């Protein structure tokens, strides 16, 4: 039996209040890792570091 794919949700937001609200809301809705990024450069660095990961990424 094949395992379902693992997902990772990545949020990039320059407004700290909106980022906190989005993270709080998504954590209630989904059961997968969720990471928030204050700056786009941090998100790019994360993507480079996890390029060989088996996790599929959904970026907002």
PDB file of N, CA and C in Angstrom:
ATOM      1  N   UNK A   1       0.840  -1.179   0.000  1.00  0.00           N
ATOM      2  CA  UNK A   1       0.000   0.000   0.000  1.00  0.00           C
ATOM      3  C   UNK A   1       0.887   1.245   0.000  1.00  0.00           C
ATOM      4  N   UNK A   2       0.588   2.165  -0.873  1.00  0.00           N
ATOM      5  CA  UNK A   2       1.380   3.389  -0.998  1.00  0.00           C
ATOM      6  C   UNK A   2       0.917   4.425   0.022  1.00  0.00           C
ATOM      7  N   UNK A   3       1.894   5.091   0.678  1.00  0.00           N
ATOM      8  CA  UNK A   3       1.558   6.123   1.651  1.00  0.00           C
ATOM      9  C   UNK A   3       1.087   7.379   0.916  1.00  0.00           C
ATOM     10  N   UNK A   4       0.134   8.100   1.493  1.00  0.00           N
ATOM     11  CA  UNK A   4      -0.287   9.354   0.865  1.00  0.00           C
ATOM     12  C   UNK A   4       0.851  10.367   0.929  1.00  0.00           C
ATOM     13  N   UNK A   5       0.919  11.278  -0.030  1.00  0.00           N
ATOM     14  CA  UNK A   5       2.000  12.256  -0.023  1.00  0.00           C
ATOM     15  C   UNK A   5       1.918  13.157   1.207  1.00  0.00           C
ATOM     16  N   UNK A   6       3.059  13.570   1.674  1.00  0.00           N
ATOM     17  CA  UNK A   6       3.130  14.497   2.794  1.00  0.00           C
ATOM     18  C   UNK A   6       3.202  15.917   2.237  1.00  0.00           C
ATOM     19  N   UNK A   7       2.432  16.774   2.817  1.00  0.00           N
ATOM     20  CA  UNK A   7       2.380  18.157   2.372  1.00  0.00           C
ATOM     21  C   UNK A   7       2.973  19.069   3.422  1.00  0.00           C
ATOM     22  N   UNK A   8       3.458  20.200   2.969  1.00  0.00           N
ATOM     23  CA  UNK A   8       3.948  21.252   3.844  1.00  0.00           C
ATOM     24  C   UNK A   8       3.386  22.561   3.301  1.00  0.00           C
ATOM     25  N   UNK A   9       2.749  23.337   4.161  1.00  0.00           N
ATOM     26  CA  UNK A   9       2.202  24.625   3.747  1.00  0.00           C
ATOM     27  C   UNK A   9       3.163  25.714   4.187  1.00  0.00           C
ATOM     28  N   UNK A  10       3.508  26.586   3.253  1.00  0.00           N
ATOM     29  CA  UNK A  10       4.423  27.689   3.518  1.00  0.00           C
ATOM     30  C   UNK A  10       3.689  29.004   3.276  1.00  0.00           C
ATOM     31  N   UNK A  11       3.724  29.884   4.275  1.00  0.00           N
ATOM     32  CA  UNK A  11       3.077  31.188   4.167  1.00  0.00           C
ATOM     33  C   UNK A  11       4.129  32.275   4.139  1.00  0.00           C
ATOM     34  N   UNK A  12       4.054  33.160   3.169  1.00  0.00           N
ATOM     35  CA  UNK A  12       4.934  34.319   3.110  1.00  0.00           C
ATOM     36  C   UNK A  12       4.059  35.566   3.246  1.00  0.00           C
ATOM     37  N   UNK A  13       4.318  36.355   4.272  1.00  0.00           N
ATOM     38  CA  UNK A  13       3.481  37.529   4.545  1.00  0.00           C
ATOM     39  C   UNK A  13       4.343  38.615   5.188  1.00  0.00           C
ATOM     40  N   UNK A  14       4.204  39.849   4.709  1.00  0.00           N
ATOM     41  CA  UNK A  14       5.002  40.940   5.262  1.00  0.00           C
ATOM     42  C   UNK A  14       4.303  41.679   6.399  1.00  0.00           C
ATOM     43  N   UNK A  15       3.080  41.286   6.716  1.00  0.00           N
ATOM     44  CA  UNK A  15       2.343  41.887   7.820  1.00  0.00           C
ATOM     45  C   UNK A  15       2.278  40.853   8.950  1.00  0.00           C
ATOM     46  N   UNK A  16       2.913  41.156  10.086  1.00  0.00           N
ATOM     47  CA  UNK A  16       3.025  40.165  11.159  1.00  0.00           C
ATOM     48  C   UNK A  16       1.670  39.764  11.733  1.00  0.00           C
ATOM     49  N   UNK A  17       0.738  40.686  11.841  1.00  0.00           N
ATOM     50  CA  UNK A  17      -0.579  40.357  12.375  1.00  0.00           C
ATOM     51  C   UNK A  17      -1.321  39.399  11.450  1.00  0.00           C
ATOM     52  N   UNK A  18      -1.295  39.689  10.162  1.00  0.00           N
ATOM     53  CA  UNK A  18      -1.957  38.816   9.182  1.00  0.00           C
ATOM     54  C   UNK A  18      -1.307  37.436   9.189  1.00  0.00           C
ATOM     55  N   UNK A  19       0.019  37.390   9.260  1.00  0.00           N
ATOM     56  CA  UNK A  19       0.722  36.108   9.285  1.00  0.00           C
ATOM     57  C   UNK A  19       0.285  35.283  10.493  1.00  0.00           C
ATOM     58  N   UNK A  20       0.209  35.887  11.665  1.00  0.00           N
ATOM     59  CA  UNK A  20      -0.224  35.167  12.867  1.00  0.00           C
ATOM     60  C   UNK A  20      -1.653  34.650  12.718  1.00  0.00           C
ATOM     61  N   UNK A  21      -2.543  35.468  12.179  1.00  0.00           N
ATOM     62  CA  UNK A  21      -3.928  35.048  11.985  1.00  0.00           C
ATOM     63  C   UNK A  21      -4.035  33.898  10.983  1.00  0.00           C
ATOM     64  N   UNK A  22      -3.285  34.003   9.885  1.00  0.00           N
ATOM     65  CA  UNK A  22      -3.306  32.933   8.880  1.00  0.00           C
ATOM     66  C   UNK A  22      -2.777  31.625   9.456  1.00  0.00           C
ATOM     67  N   UNK A  23      -1.669  31.698  10.197  1.00  0.00           N
ATOM     68  CA  UNK A  23      -1.100  30.492  10.796  1.00  0.00           C
ATOM     69  C   UNK A  23      -2.086  29.857  11.775  1.00  0.00           C
ATOM     70  N   UNK A  24      -2.707  30.666  12.613  1.00  0.00           N
ATOM     71  CA  UNK A  24      -3.663  30.155  13.594  1.00  0.00           C
ATOM     72  C   UNK A  24      -4.850  29.489  12.902  1.00  0.00           C
ATOM     73  N   UNK A  25      -5.368  30.118  11.859  1.00  0.00           N
ATOM     74  CA  UNK A  25      -6.525  29.576  11.149  1.00  0.00           C
ATOM     75  C   UNK A  25      -6.195  28.265  10.441  1.00  0.00           C
ATOM     76  N   UNK A  26      -5.066  28.240   9.740  1.00  0.00           N
ATOM     77  CA  UNK A  26      -4.706  27.033   8.994  1.00  0.00           C
ATOM     78  C   UNK A  26      -4.419  25.858   9.914  1.00  0.00           C
ATOM     79  N   UNK A  27      -3.798  26.118  11.067  1.00  0.00           N
ATOM     80  CA  UNK A  27      -3.486  25.025  11.986  1.00  0.00           C
ATOM     81  C   UNK A  27      -4.746  24.337  12.490  1.00  0.00           C
ATOM     82  N   UNK A  28      -5.862  25.058  12.516  1.00  0.00           N
ATOM     83  CA  UNK A  28      -7.125  24.467  12.931  1.00  0.00           C
ATOM     84  C   UNK A  28      -7.758  23.633  11.817  1.00  0.00           C
ATOM     85  N   UNK A  29      -7.389  23.916  10.571  1.00  0.00           N
ATOM     86  CA  UNK A  29      -8.039  23.283   9.430  1.00  0.00           C
ATOM     87  C   UNK A  29      -7.308  22.080   8.850  1.00  0.00           C
ATOM     88  N   UNK A  30      -6.000  22.057   8.969  1.00  0.00           N
ATOM     89  CA  UNK A  30      -5.222  21.007   8.300  1.00  0.00           C
ATOM     90  C   UNK A  30      -4.335  20.276   9.297  1.00  0.00           C
ATOM     91  N   UNK A  31      -3.924  19.095   8.900  1.00  0.00           N
ATOM     92  CA  UNK A  31      -3.050  18.279   9.730  1.00  0.00           C
ATOM     93  C   UNK A  31      -1.755  18.015   8.972  1.00  0.00           C
ATOM     94  N   UNK A  32      -0.999  19.068   8.750  1.00  0.00           N
ATOM     95  CA  UNK A  32       0.297  18.957   8.094  1.00  0.00           C
ATOM     96  C   UNK A  32       1.180  20.108   8.597  1.00  0.00           C
ATOM     97  N   UNK A  33       2.477  20.020   8.367  1.00  0.00           N
ATOM     98  CA  UNK A  33       3.356  21.094   8.825  1.00  0.00           C
ATOM     99  C   UNK A  33       3.027  22.420   8.129  1.00  0.00           C
ATOM    100  N   UNK A  34       3.026  23.494   8.917  1.00  0.00           N
ATOM    101  CA  UNK A  34       2.773  24.836   8.395  1.00  0.00           C
ATOM    102  C   UNK A  34       3.885  25.741   8.911  1.00  0.00           C
ATOM    103  N   UNK A  35       4.491  26.483   7.995  1.00  0.00           N
ATOM    104  CA  UNK A  35       5.555  27.400   8.388  1.00  0.00           C
ATOM    105  C   UNK A  35       5.254  28.774   7.830  1.00  0.00           C
ATOM    106  N   UNK A  36       5.525  29.793   8.642  1.00  0.00           N
ATOM    107  CA  UNK A  36       5.330  31.168   8.215  1.00  0.00           C
ATOM    108  C   UNK A  36       6.655  31.861   8.027  1.00  0.00           C
ATOM    109  N   UNK A  37       6.720  32.723   7.035  1.00  0.00           N
ATOM    110  CA  UNK A  37       7.945  33.450   6.726  1.00  0.00           C
ATOM    111  C   UNK A  37       7.638  34.934   6.628  1.00  0.00           C
ATOM    112  N   UNK A  38       8.405  35.717   7.347  1.00  0.00           N
ATOM    113  CA  UNK A  38       8.226  37.156   7.400  1.00  0.00           C
ATOM    114  C   UNK A  38       8.756  37.812   6.122  1.00  0.00           C
ATOM    115  N   UNK A  39       9.815  37.258   5.570  1.00  0.00           N
ATOM    116  CA  UNK A  39      10.425  37.830   4.362  1.00  0.00           C
ATOM    117  C   UNK A  39      10.530  36.757   3.282  1.00  0.00           C
ATOM    118  N   UNK A  40      10.416  37.197   2.038  1.00  0.00           N
ATOM    119  CA  UNK A  40      10.495  36.265   0.917  1.00  0.00           C
ATOM    120  C   UNK A  40      11.828  35.554   0.835  1.00  0.00           C
ATOM    121  N   UNK A  41      12.908  36.247   1.227  1.00  0.00           N
ATOM    122  CA  UNK A  41      14.238  35.638   1.191  1.00  0.00           C
ATOM    123  C   UNK A  41      14.347  34.435   2.100  1.00  0.00           C
ATOM    124  N   UNK A  42      13.677  34.498   3.256  1.00  0.00           N
ATOM    125  CA  UNK A  42      13.667  33.360   4.177  1.00  0.00           C
ATOM    126  C   UNK A  42      12.960  32.167   3.544  1.00  0.00           C
ATOM    127  N   UNK A  43      11.893  32.445   2.831  1.00  0.00           N
ATOM    128  CA  UNK A  43      11.164  31.379   2.144  1.00  0.00           C
ATOM    129  C   UNK A  43      12.039  30.743   1.063  1.00  0.00           C
ATOM    130  N   UNK A  44      12.727  31.556   0.290  1.00  0.00           N
ATOM    131  CA  UNK A  44      13.623  31.035  -0.754  1.00  0.00           C
ATOM    132  C   UNK A  44      14.714  30.171  -0.134  1.00  0.00           C
ATOM    133  N   UNK A  45      15.312  30.618   0.978  1.00  0.00           N
ATOM    134  CA  UNK A  45      16.339  29.827   1.656  1.00  0.00           C
ATOM    135  C   UNK A  45      15.774  28.485   2.119  1.00  0.00           C
ATOM    136  N   UNK A  46      14.572  28.502   2.670  1.00  0.00           N
ATOM    137  CA  UNK A  46      13.933  27.262   3.113  1.00  0.00           C
ATOM    138  C   UNK A  46      13.712  26.314   1.934  1.00  0.00           C
ATOM    139  N   UNK A  47      13.262  26.850   0.809  1.00  0.00           N
ATOM    140  CA  UNK A  47      13.032  26.018  -0.371  1.00  0.00           C
ATOM    141  C   UNK A  47      14.330  25.403  -0.880  1.00  0.00           C
ATOM    142  N   UNK A  48      15.408  26.167  -0.847  1.00  0.00           N
ATOM    143  CA  UNK A  48      16.709  25.632  -1.277  1.00  0.00           C
ATOM    144  C   UNK A  48      17.168  24.511  -0.349  1.00  0.00           C
ATOM    145  N   UNK A  49      16.970  24.700   0.959  1.00  0.00           N
ATOM    146  CA  UNK A  49      17.417  23.712   1.939  1.00  0.00           C
ATOM    147  C   UNK A  49      16.594  22.430   1.875  1.00  0.00           C
ATOM    148  N   UNK A  50      15.346  22.535   1.477  1.00  0.00           N
ATOM    149  CA  UNK A  50      14.456  21.368   1.471  1.00  0.00           C
ATOM    150  C   UNK A  50      14.126  20.894   0.057  1.00  0.00           C
ATOM    151  N   UNK A  51      14.951  21.257  -0.903  1.00  0.00           N
ATOM    152  CA  UNK A  51      14.668  20.912  -2.305  1.00  0.00           C
ATOM    153  C   UNK A  51      14.572  19.409  -2.526  1.00  0.00           C
ATOM    154  N   UNK A  52      15.312  18.626  -1.777  1.00  0.00           N
ATOM    155  CA  UNK A  52      15.298  17.167  -1.956  1.00  0.00           C
ATOM    156  C   UNK A  52      14.308  16.468  -1.037  1.00  0.00           C
ATOM    157  N   UNK A  53      13.533  17.220  -0.326  1.00  0.00           N
ATOM    158  CA  UNK A  53      12.535  16.669   0.596  1.00  0.00           C
ATOM    159  C   UNK A  53      11.410  15.998  -0.177  1.00  0.00           C
ATOM    160  N   UNK A  54      10.805  14.990   0.437  1.00  0.00           N
ATOM    161  CA  UNK A  54       9.676  14.311  -0.184  1.00  0.00           C
ATOM    162  C   UNK A  54       8.376  15.075   0.020  1.00  0.00           C
ATOM    163  N   UNK A  55       8.389  16.102   0.865  1.00  0.00           N
ATOM    164  CA  UNK A  55       7.185  16.887   1.131  1.00  0.00           C
ATOM    165  C   UNK A  55       6.829  17.728  -0.088  1.00  0.00           C
ATOM    166  N   UNK A  56       5.576  17.674  -0.467  1.00  0.00           N
ATOM    167  CA  UNK A  56       5.067  18.579  -1.482  1.00  0.00           C
ATOM    168  C   UNK A  56       4.785  19.902  -0.801  1.00  0.00           C
ATOM    169  N   UNK A  57       5.050  20.997  -1.468  1.00  0.00           N
ATOM    170  CA  UNK A  57       4.905  22.319  -0.857  1.00  0.00           C
ATOM    171  C   UNK A  57       3.776  23.101  -1.503  1.00  0.00           C
ATOM    172  N   UNK A  58       2.975  23.678  -0.641  1.00  0.00           N
ATOM    173  CA  UNK A  58       1.904  24.567  -1.068  1.00  0.00           C
ATOM    174  C   UNK A  58       2.252  25.949  -0.515  1.00  0.00           C
ATOM    175  N   UNK A  59       2.463  26.917  -1.398  1.00  0.00           N
ATOM    176  CA  UNK A  59       2.963  28.227  -0.975  1.00  0.00           C
ATOM    177  C   UNK A  59       1.885  29.270  -1.166  1.00  0.00           C
ATOM    178  N   UNK A  60       1.647  30.027  -0.099  1.00  0.00           N
ATOM    179  CA  UNK A  60       0.733  31.172  -0.145  1.00  0.00           C
ATOM    180  C   UNK A  60       1.528  32.421   0.122  1.00  0.00           C
TER     181      UNK A  60
END
